[in-house]
Amino acid sequence: MRALEIAVVIPCYRVRDRVVDVIRTVGPEVSRIIVVDDECPENSGEHVRRHCDDKRVVVLRNDTNLGVGGATKVGYRHALEGGADIVVKLDGDGQMRPALIPELVRPIVEGRADYVKGNRFFNLADLTEMPWPRLLGNAGLSLVTKFSTGYWDIMDPTNGFTAIHARVLGEIPLSKVADDYFFESDLLFRLATLRAVVADMPMVARYSGGPSSLSIPRVLLRFPARHARNLVKRLFYCYFLRDFNAGTFLILAGMSLAAGGGAFGGYQWWKSIASGVPASSGTVMAAALPVMLGGHLLLSAINFDIANVPRRCIHFVLGPRTAR
């Protein structure tokens, strides 16, 4: 069996002073290094051309700034067209250690995962190096991402140190994946619709103290609605379109009972206020019981969803595909 070809994609924006050092520490297990200059104002791509003589390096430049997700997708498509078997995404700011690439891709090589991502939350002692706004933000995003993607056993969803099997990557409609910092979370949602196996790799990030392009207010305003949209789409895809199971019944029954009881209770509450006559205890129970039973069924649906995390790798049964 031939060795799997590994390609590394490095999206670049304002990383001129660090990206060359990152490239120099990429080990011989990597066959190709794809640097994507996302219209960087520092001309990071040209800097790499002038100061890096590694024959594995290919520099691409976007005519317009696409965002970290958009730049990564450009690199992904190039890697697939070049015949890579595994594609690693590595940031150019030096926060991630390229020496960990063999460990990152190991679950894919051994057939235990389709997609692997770094997890900075595994060792509690290492969290002292993470700035507290990032710590709180990533913890909150991890919780909502569990709901929207169904990957209840992962943490640190915005971690950009990732590896994916090319066959799985070829099944993802990259044009529909977010171009901005929602990219990693949106990609997890797409993987969930394919029932791909996702694994975490413990890691320690290094923070240089440089400015971040991530806007916290923008994340707080835009991410919740996008996670809610992905949650609805995932439930429809996984429990109504592609499969019917116990989770389907729990969702339907739970939502129907909770909504029906809530609507009945609201009507009776309005009626009692309008007439000045308090609702009877029987009416209150008739409204409360469906709401409580519906809530219980919805909690059971969440429990079913947790147990329904994908466990069987799909890259074994997929054929080669080109990027979409």
Protein backbone atom coordinates (compact mmCIF):
# COMPACT_ATOMS: atom_id res chain seq x y z
CA MET A 1 0.00 0.00 0.00
CA ARG A 2 1.36 3.42 -0.98
CA ALA A 3 1.90 6.10 1.63
CA LEU A 4 -0.89 8.63 1.85
CA GLU A 5 -0.03 12.02 0.37
CA ILE A 6 -0.48 14.87 2.83
CA ALA A 7 -1.00 18.46 1.70
CA VAL A 8 -0.94 21.45 4.05
CA VAL A 9 -3.01 24.58 3.38
CA ILE A 10 -1.86 27.81 5.03
CA PRO A 11 -4.21 30.80 4.63
CA CYS A 12 -2.23 34.01 5.05
CA TYR A 13 -3.37 37.44 6.20
CA ARG A 14 -1.04 39.73 8.13
CA VAL A 15 1.40 36.92 8.96
CA ARG A 16 4.41 38.13 6.96
CA ASP A 17 6.80 38.02 9.93
CA ARG A 18 5.88 34.47 10.99
CA VAL A 19 4.73 32.38 8.05
CA VAL A 20 8.19 31.50 6.71
CA ASP A 21 9.24 30.15 10.11
CA VAL A 22 6.02 28.08 10.19
CA ILE A 23 6.80 26.59 6.76
CA ARG A 24 10.37 25.73 7.78
CA THR A 25 9.10 23.56 10.65
CA VAL A 26 6.75 21.48 8.49
CA GLY A 27 8.14 17.94 8.49
CA PRO A 28 8.99 15.57 5.60
CA GLU A 29 5.72 13.66 6.02
CA VAL A 30 4.05 16.51 4.08
CA SER A 31 4.25 16.33 0.28
CA ARG A 32 2.89 19.79 -0.58
CA ILE A 33 2.49 23.12 1.18
CA ILE A 34 -0.13 25.43 -0.30
CA VAL A 35 0.19 29.04 0.85
CA VAL A 36 -2.88 31.15 0.08
CA ASP A 37 -2.29 34.90 0.23
CA ASP A 38 -5.76 36.29 0.97
CA GLU A 39 -4.96 39.71 -0.52
CA CYS A 40 -2.73 40.28 2.47
CA PRO A 41 -1.76 43.97 2.85
CA GLU A 42 1.71 42.80 3.89
CA ASN A 43 2.11 40.70 0.72
CA SER A 44 2.75 37.55 2.75
CA GLY A 45 2.65 35.38 -0.37
CA GLU A 46 5.36 37.37 -2.16
CA HIS A 47 7.42 37.32 1.02
CA VAL A 48 7.21 33.50 1.02
CA ARG A 49 8.30 33.36 -2.64
CA ARG A 50 11.37 35.46 -1.90
CA HIS A 51 12.48 33.92 1.38
CA CYS A 52 11.43 30.27 1.20
CA ASP A 53 13.22 27.81 -1.07
CA ASP A 54 11.20 24.73 -0.04
CA LYS A 55 10.29 22.91 -3.27
CA ARG A 56 7.03 21.71 -1.74
CA VAL A 57 5.64 25.23 -1.49
CA VAL A 58 3.03 26.57 -3.90
CA VAL A 59 1.87 30.18 -3.43
CA LEU A 60 -1.61 31.23 -4.52
CA ARG A 61 -2.97 34.78 -4.26
CA ASN A 62 -6.59 35.87 -4.09
CA ASP A 63 -7.50 39.01 -6.04
CA THR A 64 -9.93 39.97 -3.29
CA ASN A 65 -9.97 39.23 0.42
CA LEU A 66 -12.22 36.19 0.92
CA GLY A 67 -11.78 35.65 4.64
CA VAL A 68 -10.04 32.79 6.39
CA GLY A 69 -12.66 30.27 5.26
CA GLY A 70 -12.63 31.47 1.68
CA ALA A 71 -8.83 31.33 1.52
CA THR A 72 -8.81 27.85 3.04
CA LYS A 73 -11.33 26.64 0.45
CA VAL A 74 -9.07 27.91 -2.34
CA GLY A 75 -6.29 25.81 -0.86
CA TYR A 76 -8.59 22.81 -0.39
CA ARG A 77 -9.60 22.84 -4.05
CA HIS A 78 -5.97 23.08 -5.15
CA ALA A 79 -5.02 20.17 -2.89
CA LEU A 80 -7.83 17.98 -4.25
CA GLU A 81 -6.92 18.80 -7.84
CA GLY A 82 -3.34 17.81 -7.05
CA GLY A 83 -4.37 14.38 -5.79
CA ALA A 84 -3.79 14.76 -2.04
CA ASP A 85 -5.13 12.01 0.22
CA ILE A 86 -5.23 14.06 3.44
CA VAL A 87 -5.46 17.85 3.64
CA VAL A 88 -4.25 19.69 6.74
CA LYS A 89 -5.20 23.29 7.53
CA LEU A 90 -2.52 25.21 9.40
CA ASP A 91 -2.56 28.88 10.37
CA GLY A 92 0.42 31.00 9.42
CA ASP A 93 0.70 32.92 12.69
CA GLY A 94 2.72 30.32 14.56
CA GLN A 95 0.07 29.42 17.15
CA MET A 96 0.10 25.79 16.01
CA ARG A 97 3.11 23.48 15.96
CA PRO A 98 3.64 21.78 12.56
CA ALA A 99 5.53 19.07 14.45
CA LEU A 100 2.10 17.80 15.58
CA ILE A 101 0.94 17.06 12.03
CA PRO A 102 1.83 13.33 12.26
CA GLU A 103 -0.33 13.04 15.40
CA LEU A 104 -3.09 15.09 13.81
CA VAL A 105 -3.40 12.82 10.78
CA ARG A 106 -2.84 9.54 12.65
CA PRO A 107 -6.56 8.82 13.36
CA ILE A 108 -7.29 9.26 9.64
CA VAL A 109 -4.38 7.08 8.54
CA GLU A 110 -5.42 4.36 10.99
CA GLY A 111 -9.05 4.51 9.83
CA ARG A 112 -10.45 5.85 13.11
CA ALA A 113 -11.66 9.25 11.86
CA ASP A 114 -12.58 11.19 8.75
CA TYR A 115 -11.75 14.60 10.22
CA VAL A 116 -9.44 15.53 13.09
CA LYS A 117 -9.15 18.88 14.83
CA GLY A 118 -7.04 20.33 17.59
CA ASN A 119 -8.45 20.72 21.10
CA ARG A 120 -6.87 23.31 23.39
CA PHE A 121 -9.22 22.42 26.27
CA PHE A 122 -7.95 18.89 26.94
CA ASN A 123 -5.25 19.77 29.49
CA LEU A 124 -6.59 22.21 32.06
CA ALA A 125 -3.12 23.41 33.03
CA ASP A 126 -2.52 24.60 29.46
CA LEU A 127 -5.56 26.90 29.53
CA THR A 128 -3.61 29.44 31.58
CA GLU A 129 -1.87 30.49 28.34
CA MET A 130 -5.18 31.28 26.60
CA PRO A 131 -6.41 34.89 26.95
CA TRP A 132 -9.58 34.84 29.06
CA PRO A 133 -11.84 36.41 26.38
CA ARG A 134 -10.89 33.59 24.02
CA LEU A 135 -11.34 31.04 26.78
CA LEU A 136 -14.88 32.17 27.60
CA GLY A 137 -15.81 32.66 23.96
CA ASN A 138 -14.58 29.25 22.88
CA ALA A 139 -16.31 27.53 25.80
CA GLY A 140 -19.63 29.14 24.83
CA LEU A 141 -19.16 28.38 21.14
CA SER A 142 -18.34 24.77 21.98
CA LEU A 143 -21.71 24.36 23.70
CA VAL A 144 -23.81 25.85 20.89
CA THR A 145 -21.77 23.97 18.27
CA LYS A 146 -22.59 20.68 19.99
CA PHE A 147 -26.28 21.46 19.43
CA SER A 148 -25.94 22.66 15.84
CA THR A 149 -23.61 19.89 14.62
CA GLY A 150 -24.49 16.90 16.81
CA TYR A 151 -20.82 16.27 17.65
CA TRP A 152 -21.39 16.20 21.39
CA ASP A 153 -18.00 14.65 22.19
CA ILE A 154 -15.77 17.43 20.80
CA MET A 155 -14.56 20.76 22.17
CA ASP A 156 -12.90 23.86 20.76
CA PRO A 157 -14.88 23.98 17.49
CA THR A 158 -13.14 27.14 16.22
CA ASN A 159 -9.71 25.48 16.35
CA GLY A 160 -8.11 25.97 12.93
CA PHE A 161 -5.61 23.11 13.16
CA THR A 162 -7.46 20.40 11.24
CA ALA A 163 -6.99 17.41 8.94
CA ILE A 164 -9.56 15.84 6.63
CA HIS A 165 -9.57 12.84 4.32
CA ALA A 166 -9.71 13.98 0.70
CA ARG A 167 -12.60 11.66 -0.15
CA VAL A 168 -14.72 13.24 2.57
CA LEU A 169 -13.62 16.73 1.55
CA GLY A 170 -14.70 15.98 -2.00
CA GLU A 171 -18.24 15.29 -0.79
CA ILE A 172 -18.60 18.68 0.90
CA PRO A 173 -20.16 21.52 -1.15
CA LEU A 174 -17.39 24.00 -0.36
CA SER A 175 -19.22 26.83 -2.11
CA LYS A 176 -21.90 26.60 0.61
CA VAL A 177 -19.46 26.66 3.55
CA ALA A 178 -18.92 30.03 5.25
CA ASP A 179 -15.99 32.18 4.13
CA ASP A 180 -15.42 33.97 7.43
CA TYR A 181 -14.54 32.79 10.95
CA PHE A 182 -17.68 30.66 11.01
CA PHE A 183 -15.87 28.37 8.58
CA GLU A 184 -14.77 25.69 11.08
CA SER A 185 -18.21 25.45 12.71
CA ASP A 186 -19.98 25.42 9.34
CA LEU A 187 -17.65 22.69 8.09
CA LEU A 188 -18.53 20.58 11.14
CA PHE A 189 -22.21 20.99 10.25
CA ARG A 190 -21.53 19.77 6.71
CA LEU A 191 -19.59 16.80 8.08
CA ALA A 192 -22.53 15.97 10.35
CA THR A 193 -24.90 15.77 7.38
CA LEU A 194 -22.51 13.21 5.84
CA ARG A 195 -22.28 11.25 9.13
CA ALA A 196 -18.50 11.64 9.10
CA VAL A 197 -16.45 10.67 12.17
CA VAL A 198 -14.77 13.62 13.89
CA ALA A 199 -12.01 13.29 16.48
CA ASP A 200 -10.15 15.72 18.76
CA MET A 201 -6.38 15.89 19.19
CA PRO A 202 -5.10 17.50 22.42
CA MET A 203 -2.77 20.40 21.73
CA VAL A 204 -1.32 23.56 23.23
CA ALA A 205 -1.62 26.82 21.30
CA ARG A 206 1.02 29.53 21.46
CA TYR A 207 -0.19 33.12 21.69
CA SER A 208 2.18 35.79 20.46
CA GLY A 209 0.08 38.69 21.67
CA GLY A 210 -0.37 40.04 18.13
CA PRO A 211 -3.65 41.57 16.96
CA SER A 212 -6.47 39.23 16.03
CA SER A 213 -8.72 39.72 12.99
CA LEU A 214 -11.59 38.08 14.86
CA SER A 215 -14.20 40.58 16.03
CA ILE A 216 -15.86 39.43 19.27
CA PRO A 217 -18.94 41.70 18.84
CA ARG A 218 -19.41 40.38 15.30
CA VAL A 219 -19.25 36.81 16.57
CA LEU A 220 -21.80 37.50 19.30
CA LEU A 221 -24.19 39.15 16.84
CA ARG A 222 -23.92 36.78 13.87
CA PHE A 223 -22.94 33.32 15.09
CA PRO A 224 -26.06 32.44 17.19
CA ALA A 225 -28.46 32.86 14.25
CA ARG A 226 -26.21 30.83 11.98
CA HIS A 227 -25.93 28.04 14.55
CA ALA A 228 -29.72 28.02 14.92
CA ARG A 229 -30.10 27.72 11.16
CA ASN A 230 -27.64 24.83 11.03
CA LEU A 231 -29.42 23.09 13.91
CA VAL A 232 -32.75 23.15 12.08
CA LYS A 233 -31.15 21.98 8.83
CA ARG A 234 -29.23 19.19 10.55
CA LEU A 235 -32.30 17.85 12.32
CA PHE A 236 -34.23 17.87 9.03
CA TYR A 237 -31.43 16.17 7.10
CA CYS A 238 -30.55 13.55 9.72
CA TYR A 239 -33.95 12.72 11.23
CA PHE A 240 -36.48 13.35 8.46
CA LEU A 241 -34.81 13.36 5.03
CA ARG A 242 -32.13 10.67 5.27
CA ASP A 243 -33.44 8.59 8.15
CA PHE A 244 -36.44 7.94 10.39
CA ASN A 245 -35.75 6.60 13.87
CA ALA A 246 -36.70 6.99 17.51
CA GLY A 247 -35.22 10.48 17.48
CA THR A 248 -37.71 11.49 14.78
CA PHE A 249 -40.64 10.42 16.99
CA LEU A 250 -39.22 12.15 20.06
CA ILE A 251 -38.71 15.43 18.19
CA LEU A 252 -42.16 15.41 16.59
CA ALA A 253 -44.04 14.36 19.71
CA GLY A 254 -42.06 16.65 22.01
CA MET A 255 -42.48 19.75 19.85
CA SER A 256 -46.16 19.05 19.19
CA LEU A 257 -47.03 18.55 22.86
CA ALA A 258 -44.97 21.52 24.09
CA ALA A 259 -46.30 23.85 21.39
CA GLY A 260 -49.89 22.65 21.77
CA GLY A 261 -49.85 22.92 25.56
CA GLY A 262 -48.17 26.31 25.40
CA ALA A 263 -50.70 27.63 22.88
CA PHE A 264 -53.65 26.30 24.89
CA GLY A 265 -52.25 27.70 28.12
CA GLY A 266 -51.60 31.08 26.53
CA TYR A 267 -55.13 31.25 25.19
CA GLN A 268 -56.63 30.34 28.56
CA TRP A 269 -54.41 32.90 30.31
CA TRP A 270 -55.56 35.63 27.91
CA LYS A 271 -59.20 34.50 28.31
CA SER A 272 -58.99 34.63 32.11
CA ILE A 273 -57.52 38.14 32.02
CA ALA A 274 -60.18 39.35 29.56
CA SER A 275 -63.08 37.86 31.56
CA GLY A 276 -61.69 38.40 35.03
CA VAL A 277 -62.50 34.76 35.88
CA PRO A 278 -59.49 32.66 36.99
CA ALA A 279 -58.89 29.46 35.08
CA SER A 280 -59.85 26.27 36.87
CA SER A 281 -57.24 23.87 38.20
CA GLY A 282 -58.29 21.36 35.55
CA THR A 283 -57.65 23.91 32.79
CA VAL A 284 -54.23 24.72 34.25
CA MET A 285 -53.32 21.04 34.35
CA ALA A 286 -54.63 20.53 30.80
CA ALA A 287 -52.14 23.19 29.68
CA ALA A 288 -49.22 22.26 31.93
CA LEU A 289 -49.23 18.50 31.41
CA PRO A 290 -48.55 18.56 27.64
CA VAL A 291 -45.83 21.17 28.16
CA MET A 292 -44.09 19.05 30.81
CA LEU A 293 -44.44 15.84 28.81
CA GLY A 294 -43.25 17.60 25.65
CA GLY A 295 -40.26 18.99 27.49
CA HIS A 296 -39.41 15.52 28.79
CA LEU A 297 -39.59 14.08 25.26
CA LEU A 298 -37.37 16.85 23.91
CA LEU A 299 -34.80 16.11 26.61
CA SER A 300 -34.99 12.46 25.56
CA ALA A 301 -34.44 13.58 21.96
CA ILE A 302 -31.26 15.37 23.03
CA ASN A 303 -30.12 12.24 24.84
CA PHE A 304 -30.81 10.19 21.70
CA ASP A 305 -28.87 12.71 19.61
CA ILE A 306 -25.89 12.44 21.96
CA ALA A 307 -25.89 8.65 21.58
CA ASN A 308 -26.23 9.05 17.80
CA VAL A 309 -22.81 10.64 17.25
CA PRO A 310 -21.24 9.03 14.11
CA ARG A 311 -18.84 6.20 14.94
CA ARG A 312 -18.19 4.52 11.56
CA CYS A 313 -15.77 6.22 9.16
CA ILE A 314 -17.20 7.01 5.75
CA HIS A 315 -14.01 7.55 3.73
CA PHE A 316 -13.73 3.78 3.23
CA VAL A 317 -16.90 3.69 1.13
CA LEU A 318 -16.49 6.97 -0.77
CA GLY A 319 -14.89 7.22 -4.18
CA PRO A 320 -12.55 10.02 -5.27
CA ARG A 321 -14.33 13.30 -5.99
CA THR A 322 -13.31 16.74 -7.20
CA ALA A 323 -13.93 19.84 -5.15
CA ARG A 324 -17.34 21.46 -5.47
